[in-house]
Each structure stands twice: as C-alpha cells, then as structure tokens.
Amino acid sequence: MHLPVPRGWTANVTFAGPERRHLFITAGDSVFVIKTKMQGR
C-alpha cells in the first residue's frame, strides 16, 4: 500500500494510540495521523 504524503520527504512512521491503531507520520514540518483498521506491532 502507498500512502501519499504531501511533503517532500518522510522522516518517521510509528503506530501509537489505543491498541496501536493510529499511524503517525512525520514529514517535513508536519505530523499526519491515520486511523487504521489493523493493529500495529
């Protein structure tokens, strides 16, 4: 799966939140959060 991020580069990606179902992406000067159906590891 490809998730487009509207910044020049992605620095970090991690799962967090309740049951690790939120994907946090840091890119450029921004932080993006995506709710997922699957649990992260």
PDB file of N, CA and C in Angstrom:
ATOM      1  N   MET A   1       0.841  -1.166   0.000  1.00  0.00           N
ATOM      2  CA  MET A   1       0.000   0.000   0.000  1.00  0.00           C
ATOM      3  C   MET A   1       0.894   1.239   0.000  1.00  0.00           C
ATOM      4  N   HIS A   2       0.501   2.223  -0.750  1.00  0.00           N
ATOM      5  CA  HIS A   2       1.209   3.503  -0.801  1.00  0.00           C
ATOM      6  C   HIS A   2       0.306   4.591  -0.230  1.00  0.00           C
ATOM      7  N   LEU A   3       0.832   5.338   0.723  1.00  0.00           N
ATOM      8  CA  LEU A   3       0.093   6.466   1.294  1.00  0.00           C
ATOM      9  C   LEU A   3       0.800   7.750   0.870  1.00  0.00           C
ATOM     10  N   PRO A   4       0.201   8.517  -0.009  1.00  0.00           N
ATOM     11  CA  PRO A   4       0.836   9.764  -0.429  1.00  0.00           C
ATOM     12  C   PRO A   4       0.898  10.768   0.724  1.00  0.00           C
ATOM     13  N   VAL A   5       2.053  11.381   0.888  1.00  0.00           N
ATOM     14  CA  VAL A   5       2.251  12.399   1.922  1.00  0.00           C
ATOM     15  C   VAL A   5       2.608  13.700   1.208  1.00  0.00           C
ATOM     16  N   PRO A   6       1.833  14.743   1.420  1.00  0.00           N
ATOM     17  CA  PRO A   6       2.048  15.987   0.674  1.00  0.00           C
ATOM     18  C   PRO A   6       3.224  16.815   1.180  1.00  0.00           C
ATOM     19  N   ARG A   7       4.363  16.182   1.383  1.00  0.00           N
ATOM     20  CA  ARG A   7       5.590  16.868   1.779  1.00  0.00           C
ATOM     21  C   ARG A   7       6.732  16.249   0.990  1.00  0.00           C
ATOM     22  N   GLY A   8       7.866  16.895   0.981  1.00  0.00           N
ATOM     23  CA  GLY A   8       8.997  16.429   0.186  1.00  0.00           C
ATOM     24  C   GLY A   8       9.601  15.109   0.634  1.00  0.00           C
ATOM     25  N   TRP A   9       9.524  14.806   1.917  1.00  0.00           N
ATOM     26  CA  TRP A   9      10.138  13.572   2.422  1.00  0.00           C
ATOM     27  C   TRP A   9       9.471  13.141   3.719  1.00  0.00           C
ATOM     28  N   THR A  10       9.579  11.862   4.033  1.00  0.00           N
ATOM     29  CA  THR A  10       9.016  11.296   5.262  1.00  0.00           C
ATOM     30  C   THR A  10      10.161  10.979   6.203  1.00  0.00           C
ATOM     31  N   ALA A  11      10.076  11.436   7.452  1.00  0.00           N
ATOM     32  CA  ALA A  11      11.153  11.230   8.414  1.00  0.00           C
ATOM     33  C   ALA A  11      10.928  10.001   9.287  1.00  0.00           C
ATOM     34  N   ASN A  12       9.737   9.862   9.870  1.00  0.00           N
ATOM     35  CA  ASN A  12       9.450   8.764  10.797  1.00  0.00           C
ATOM     36  C   ASN A  12       8.022   8.289  10.621  1.00  0.00           C
ATOM     37  N   VAL A  13       7.831   7.004  10.934  1.00  0.00           N
ATOM     38  CA  VAL A  13       6.491   6.396  10.901  1.00  0.00           C
ATOM     39  C   VAL A  13       6.392   5.485  12.112  1.00  0.00           C
ATOM     40  N   THR A  14       5.307   5.601  12.893  1.00  0.00           N
ATOM     41  CA  THR A  14       5.125   4.733  14.047  1.00  0.00           C
ATOM     42  C   THR A  14       3.648   4.557  14.354  1.00  0.00           C
ATOM     43  N   PHE A  15       3.316   3.425  14.944  1.00  0.00           N
ATOM     44  CA  PHE A  15       1.962   3.188  15.424  1.00  0.00           C
ATOM     45  C   PHE A  15       1.871   3.601  16.885  1.00  0.00           C
ATOM     46  N   ALA A  16       0.741   4.184  17.275  1.00  0.00           N
ATOM     47  CA  ALA A  16       0.526   4.610  18.666  1.00  0.00           C
ATOM     48  C   ALA A  16      -0.974   4.699  18.911  1.00  0.00           C
ATOM     49  N   GLY A  17      -1.329   5.244  20.064  1.00  0.00           N
ATOM     50  CA  GLY A  17      -2.738   5.414  20.388  1.00  0.00           C
ATOM     51  C   GLY A  17      -3.358   4.139  20.921  1.00  0.00           C
ATOM     52  N   PRO A  18      -4.672   4.166  21.135  1.00  0.00           N
ATOM     53  CA  PRO A  18      -5.380   2.997  21.668  1.00  0.00           C
ATOM     54  C   PRO A  18      -5.157   1.771  20.779  1.00  0.00           C
ATOM     55  N   GLU A  19      -4.632   0.728  21.363  1.00  0.00           N
ATOM     56  CA  GLU A  19      -4.384  -0.534  20.658  1.00  0.00           C
ATOM     57  C   GLU A  19      -3.483  -0.368  19.439  1.00  0.00           C
ATOM     58  N   ARG A  20      -2.669   0.689  19.408  1.00  0.00           N
ATOM     59  CA  ARG A  20      -1.747   0.960  18.299  1.00  0.00           C
ATOM     60  C   ARG A  20      -2.459   0.937  16.946  1.00  0.00           C
ATOM     61  N   ARG A  21      -3.590   1.614  16.867  1.00  0.00           N
ATOM     62  CA  ARG A  21      -4.364   1.658  15.622  1.00  0.00           C
ATOM     63  C   ARG A  21      -4.281   3.022  14.931  1.00  0.00           C
ATOM     64  N   HIS A  22      -3.391   3.886  15.389  1.00  0.00           N
ATOM     65  CA  HIS A  22      -3.164   5.182  14.745  1.00  0.00           C
ATOM     66  C   HIS A  22      -1.741   5.195  14.195  1.00  0.00           C
ATOM     67  N   LEU A  23      -1.617   5.509  12.926  1.00  0.00           N
ATOM     68  CA  LEU A  23      -0.317   5.592  12.283  1.00  0.00           C
ATOM     69  C   LEU A  23       0.102   7.060  12.252  1.00  0.00           C
ATOM     70  N   PHE A  24       1.222   7.366  12.899  1.00  0.00           N
ATOM     71  CA  PHE A  24       1.760   8.730  12.928  1.00  0.00           C
ATOM     72  C   PHE A  24       2.901   8.821  11.921  1.00  0.00           C
ATOM     73  N   ILE A  25       2.863   9.842  11.080  1.00  0.00           N
ATOM     74  CA  ILE A  25       3.889  10.061  10.062  1.00  0.00           C
ATOM     75  C   ILE A  25       4.419  11.482  10.229  1.00  0.00           C
ATOM     76  N   THR A  26       5.728  11.616  10.412  1.00  0.00           N
ATOM     77  CA  THR A  26       6.330  12.946  10.423  1.00  0.00           C
ATOM     78  C   THR A  26       6.975  13.167   9.056  1.00  0.00           C
ATOM     79  N   ALA A  27       6.686  14.313   8.474  1.00  0.00           N
ATOM     80  CA  ALA A  27       7.199  14.627   7.150  1.00  0.00           C
ATOM     81  C   ALA A  27       7.365  16.133   7.035  1.00  0.00           C
ATOM     82  N   GLY A  28       8.562  16.532   6.666  1.00  0.00           N
ATOM     83  CA  GLY A  28       8.826  17.962   6.550  1.00  0.00           C
ATOM     84  C   GLY A  28       8.578  18.648   7.878  1.00  0.00           C
ATOM     85  N   ASP A  29       7.678  19.610   7.904  1.00  0.00           N
ATOM     86  CA  ASP A  29       7.354  20.341   9.138  1.00  0.00           C
ATOM     87  C   ASP A  29       5.968  19.943   9.665  1.00  0.00           C
ATOM     88  N   SER A  30       5.499  18.738   9.315  1.00  0.00           N
ATOM     89  CA  SER A  30       4.137  18.321   9.660  1.00  0.00           C
ATOM     90  C   SER A  30       4.106  16.943  10.310  1.00  0.00           C
ATOM     91  N   VAL A  31       3.005  16.686  11.015  1.00  0.00           N
ATOM     92  CA  VAL A  31       2.718  15.357  11.572  1.00  0.00           C
ATOM     93  C   VAL A  31       1.338  14.954  11.060  1.00  0.00           C
ATOM     94  N   PHE A  32       1.251  13.760  10.482  1.00  0.00           N
ATOM     95  CA  PHE A  32      -0.006  13.238   9.955  1.00  0.00           C
ATOM     96  C   PHE A  32      -0.418  12.042  10.801  1.00  0.00           C
ATOM     97  N   VAL A  33      -1.712  11.882  11.026  1.00  0.00           N
ATOM     98  CA  VAL A  33      -2.244  10.751  11.788  1.00  0.00           C
ATOM     99  C   VAL A  33      -3.315  10.082  10.940  1.00  0.00           C
ATOM    100  N   ILE A  34      -3.201   8.755  10.798  1.00  0.00           N
ATOM    101  CA  ILE A  34      -4.169   7.988  10.042  1.00  0.00           C
ATOM    102  C   ILE A  34      -4.715   6.892  10.942  1.00  0.00           C
ATOM    103  N   LYS A  35      -6.040   6.829  11.093  1.00  0.00           N
ATOM    104  CA  LYS A  35      -6.652   5.739  11.851  1.00  0.00           C
ATOM    105  C   LYS A  35      -6.654   4.497  10.963  1.00  0.00           C
ATOM    106  N   THR A  36      -6.236   3.362  11.523  1.00  0.00           N
ATOM    107  CA  THR A  36      -6.165   2.136  10.746  1.00  0.00           C
ATOM    108  C   THR A  36      -7.123   1.086  11.301  1.00  0.00           C
ATOM    109  N   LYS A  37      -7.457   0.113  10.496  1.00  0.00           N
ATOM    110  CA  LYS A  37      -8.288  -0.995  10.939  1.00  0.00           C
ATOM    111  C   LYS A  37      -7.444  -2.076  11.594  1.00  0.00           C
ATOM    112  N   MET A  38      -6.165  -2.120  11.233  1.00  0.00           N
ATOM    113  CA  MET A  38      -5.264  -3.134  11.765  1.00  0.00           C
ATOM    114  C   MET A  38      -4.453  -2.573  12.914  1.00  0.00           C
ATOM    115  N   GLN A  39      -4.031  -3.456  13.797  1.00  0.00           N
ATOM    116  CA  GLN A  39      -3.207  -3.059  14.927  1.00  0.00           C
ATOM    117  C   GLN A  39      -1.750  -3.098  14.520  1.00  0.00           C
ATOM    118  N   GLY A  40      -1.001  -2.041  14.865  1.00  0.00           N
ATOM    119  CA  GLY A  40       0.423  -2.006  14.571  1.00  0.00           C
ATOM    120  C   GLY A  40       1.194  -2.896  15.529  1.00  0.00           C
ATOM    121  N   ARG A  41       2.431  -3.176  15.175  1.00  0.00           N
ATOM    122  CA  ARG A  41       3.293  -4.003  16.024  1.00  0.00           C
ATOM    123  C   ARG A  41       4.344  -3.178  16.698  1.00  0.00           C
TER     124      ARG A  41
END
